[in-house]
Amino acid sequence: MAHALAHPDRNLGLGFLVAWPNLDAANRLVRAHCGEMDGRDYGRLRPAAEAVAERYPVAATLLRRTLAEDVLRRAFSRQYPYAVRDVRACASTSTSCRTACASRPRPSPR
């Protein structure tokens, strides 16, 4: 696992962690190195986002944002529908995260 976390190809390391599966480590990798991930690698990033979405919504959002930003940065219009789906998935993840947080009991004030 340490090798996957330290691998210079962050996408490859993420793919390994998701396939293993060690989603906690995948979450840590995404949170620490999202800016180093290649948004053109939708074959790894999109499945990884789906795999971590329930337990790690922030990591899923970061991955989907990486995918969408890459499409926009390259102005690759044929991929715009996929970028729209990724942005919508971010919004959906955000809504479900807010709902889950709202239903949690709040600590009593001290």
C-alpha atoms as a PDB file:
ATOM      1  CA  MET A   1       0.000   0.000   0.000  1.00  0.00           C
ATOM      2  CA  ALA A   2       2.827   2.419   0.813  1.00  0.00           C
ATOM      3  CA  HIS A   3       4.207   1.858  -2.676  1.00  0.00           C
ATOM      4  CA  ALA A   4       0.859   2.766  -4.252  1.00  0.00           C
ATOM      5  CA  LEU A   5       0.569   5.910  -2.118  1.00  0.00           C
ATOM      6  CA  ALA A   6       4.081   7.008  -3.063  1.00  0.00           C
ATOM      7  CA  HIS A   7       3.970   5.978  -6.730  1.00  0.00           C
ATOM      8  CA  PRO A   8       4.943   8.878  -9.011  1.00  0.00           C
ATOM      9  CA  ASP A   9       2.003   8.105 -11.345  1.00  0.00           C
ATOM     10  CA  ARG A  10      -0.800   9.132  -8.982  1.00  0.00           C
ATOM     11  CA  ASN A  11      -3.486   7.801 -11.316  1.00  0.00           C
ATOM     12  CA  LEU A  12      -1.868   4.373 -11.420  1.00  0.00           C
ATOM     13  CA  GLY A  13      -1.544   4.322  -7.620  1.00  0.00           C
ATOM     14  CA  LEU A  14      -5.202   5.311  -7.283  1.00  0.00           C
ATOM     15  CA  GLY A  15      -6.285   2.607  -9.706  1.00  0.00           C
ATOM     16  CA  PHE A  16      -4.426   0.019  -7.669  1.00  0.00           C
ATOM     17  CA  LEU A  17      -5.941   1.177  -4.369  1.00  0.00           C
ATOM     18  CA  VAL A  18      -9.478   1.148  -5.773  1.00  0.00           C
ATOM     19  CA  ALA A  19      -9.018  -2.319  -7.284  1.00  0.00           C
ATOM     20  CA  TRP A  20      -7.481  -3.723  -4.096  1.00  0.00           C
ATOM     21  CA  PRO A  21      -9.875  -2.272  -2.590  1.00  0.00           C
ATOM     22  CA  ASN A  22      -8.470   0.049   0.037  1.00  0.00           C
ATOM     23  CA  LEU A  23     -10.773   3.039  -0.227  1.00  0.00           C
ATOM     24  CA  ASP A  24      -9.388   4.728   2.872  1.00  0.00           C
ATOM     25  CA  ALA A  25      -5.943   4.838   1.271  1.00  0.00           C
ATOM     26  CA  ALA A  26      -7.500   5.936  -2.042  1.00  0.00           C
ATOM     27  CA  ASN A  27      -9.189   8.804  -0.201  1.00  0.00           C
ATOM     28  CA  ARG A  28      -5.873   9.840   1.379  1.00  0.00           C
ATOM     29  CA  LEU A  29      -4.124   9.734  -1.998  1.00  0.00           C
ATOM     30  CA  VAL A  30      -6.785  11.871  -3.675  1.00  0.00           C
ATOM     31  CA  ARG A  31      -6.893  14.410  -0.846  1.00  0.00           C
ATOM     32  CA  ALA A  32      -3.108  14.764  -0.789  1.00  0.00           C
ATOM     33  CA  HIS A  33      -2.324  14.656  -4.516  1.00  0.00           C
ATOM     34  CA  CYS A  34      -5.410  15.534  -6.528  1.00  0.00           C
ATOM     35  CA  GLY A  35      -3.592  18.353  -8.295  1.00  0.00           C
ATOM     36  CA  GLU A  36      -1.091  15.845  -9.689  1.00  0.00           C
ATOM     37  CA  MET A  37      -3.714  13.619 -11.285  1.00  0.00           C
ATOM     38  CA  ASP A  38      -4.255  13.489 -15.027  1.00  0.00           C
ATOM     39  CA  GLY A  39      -7.855  14.399 -15.812  1.00  0.00           C
ATOM     40  CA  ARG A  40      -7.629  12.690 -19.203  1.00  0.00           C
ATOM     41  CA  ASP A  41      -7.468   9.313 -17.437  1.00  0.00           C
ATOM     42  CA  TYR A  42     -11.236   8.925 -17.135  1.00  0.00           C
ATOM     43  CA  GLY A  43     -10.838   5.131 -17.243  1.00  0.00           C
ATOM     44  CA  ARG A  44      -9.344   5.268 -13.749  1.00  0.00           C
ATOM     45  CA  LEU A  45     -10.653   8.498 -12.250  1.00  0.00           C
ATOM     46  CA  ARG A  46     -14.361   8.059 -12.974  1.00  0.00           C
ATOM     47  CA  PRO A  47     -14.561   4.512 -11.507  1.00  0.00           C
ATOM     48  CA  ALA A  48     -12.493   5.694  -8.531  1.00  0.00           C
ATOM     49  CA  ALA A  49     -14.906   8.589  -7.943  1.00  0.00           C
ATOM     50  CA  GLU A  50     -17.836   6.171  -8.010  1.00  0.00           C
ATOM     51  CA  ALA A  51     -16.069   3.760  -5.650  1.00  0.00           C
ATOM     52  CA  VAL A  52     -15.273   6.361  -2.984  1.00  0.00           C
ATOM     53  CA  ALA A  53     -18.396   8.523  -3.319  1.00  0.00           C
ATOM     54  CA  GLU A  54     -20.440   7.026  -0.484  1.00  0.00           C
ATOM     55  CA  ARG A  55     -17.760   7.003   2.224  1.00  0.00           C
ATOM     56  CA  TYR A  56     -15.540   9.814   0.945  1.00  0.00           C
ATOM     57  CA  PRO A  57     -17.668  12.394  -0.887  1.00  0.00           C
ATOM     58  CA  VAL A  58     -14.942  15.047  -0.846  1.00  0.00           C
ATOM     59  CA  ALA A  59     -12.510  12.725  -2.637  1.00  0.00           C
ATOM     60  CA  ALA A  60     -15.207  11.823  -5.183  1.00  0.00           C
ATOM     61  CA  THR A  61     -15.906  15.504  -5.785  1.00  0.00           C
ATOM     62  CA  LEU A  62     -12.204  16.267  -6.254  1.00  0.00           C
ATOM     63  CA  LEU A  63     -11.870  13.473  -8.812  1.00  0.00           C
ATOM     64  CA  ARG A  64     -14.953  14.526 -10.749  1.00  0.00           C
ATOM     65  CA  ARG A  65     -13.804  18.124 -10.697  1.00  0.00           C
ATOM     66  CA  THR A  66     -10.424  17.053 -12.076  1.00  0.00           C
ATOM     67  CA  LEU A  67     -12.189  15.274 -14.932  1.00  0.00           C
ATOM     68  CA  ALA A  68     -14.464  18.222 -15.748  1.00  0.00           C
ATOM     69  CA  GLU A  69     -11.714  20.833 -15.487  1.00  0.00           C
ATOM     70  CA  ASP A  70      -9.486  18.881 -17.851  1.00  0.00           C
ATOM     71  CA  VAL A  71     -12.212  18.738 -20.497  1.00  0.00           C
ATOM     72  CA  LEU A  72     -12.810  22.479 -20.179  1.00  0.00           C
ATOM     73  CA  ARG A  73      -9.097  23.357 -20.125  1.00  0.00           C
ATOM     74  CA  ARG A  74      -8.576  21.447 -23.381  1.00  0.00           C
ATOM     75  CA  ALA A  75     -11.811  22.903 -24.851  1.00  0.00           C
ATOM     76  CA  PHE A  76     -12.655  19.384 -25.994  1.00  0.00           C
ATOM     77  CA  SER A  77     -16.270  20.000 -26.965  1.00  0.00           C
ATOM     78  CA  ARG A  78     -17.052  16.368 -27.784  1.00  0.00           C
ATOM     79  CA  GLN A  79     -16.390  15.570 -24.124  1.00  0.00           C
ATOM     80  CA  TYR A  80     -18.586  18.375 -22.717  1.00  0.00           C
ATOM     81  CA  PRO A  81     -21.530  16.025 -22.012  1.00  0.00           C
ATOM     82  CA  TYR A  82     -19.227  13.947 -19.786  1.00  0.00           C
ATOM     83  CA  ALA A  83     -18.000  17.063 -18.007  1.00  0.00           C
ATOM     84  CA  VAL A  84     -21.625  18.072 -17.391  1.00  0.00           C
ATOM     85  CA  ARG A  85     -22.332  14.633 -15.883  1.00  0.00           C
ATOM     86  CA  ASP A  86     -19.304  14.961 -13.618  1.00  0.00           C
ATOM     87  CA  VAL A  87     -20.377  18.421 -12.424  1.00  0.00           C
ATOM     88  CA  ARG A  88     -23.920  17.171 -11.804  1.00  0.00           C
ATOM     89  CA  ALA A  89     -22.532  14.204  -9.872  1.00  0.00           C
ATOM     90  CA  CYS A  90     -20.596  16.693  -7.718  1.00  0.00           C
ATOM     91  CA  ALA A  91     -23.814  18.548  -6.996  1.00  0.00           C
ATOM     92  CA  SER A  92     -25.604  15.304  -6.167  1.00  0.00           C
ATOM     93  CA  THR A  93     -22.792  14.210  -3.864  1.00  0.00           C
ATOM     94  CA  SER A  94     -22.885  17.598  -2.161  1.00  0.00           C
ATOM     95  CA  THR A  95     -26.651  17.334  -1.592  1.00  0.00           C
ATOM     96  CA  SER A  96     -26.434  13.826  -0.157  1.00  0.00           C
ATOM     97  CA  CYS A  97     -23.537  14.895   2.061  1.00  0.00           C
ATOM     98  CA  ARG A  98     -25.532  17.857   3.434  1.00  0.00           C
ATOM     99  CA  THR A  99     -28.522  15.588   4.073  1.00  0.00           C
ATOM    100  CA  ALA A 100     -26.370  13.059   5.939  1.00  0.00           C
ATOM    101  CA  CYS A 101     -24.716  15.778   7.995  1.00  0.00           C
ATOM    102  CA  ALA A 102     -28.070  17.356   8.889  1.00  0.00           C
ATOM    103  CA  SER A 103     -29.419  14.048  10.204  1.00  0.00           C
ATOM    104  CA  ARG A 104     -26.472  13.444  12.529  1.00  0.00           C
ATOM    105  CA  PRO A 105     -26.993  14.271  16.186  1.00  0.00           C
ATOM    106  CA  ARG A 106     -25.230  17.454  17.169  1.00  0.00           C
ATOM    107  CA  PRO A 107     -22.962  17.497  20.202  1.00  0.00           C
ATOM    108  CA  SER A 108     -24.410  19.230  23.212  1.00  0.00           C
ATOM    109  CA  PRO A 109     -22.928  22.651  24.009  1.00  0.00           C
ATOM    110  CA  ARG A 110     -20.504  22.720  26.883  1.00  0.00           C
END
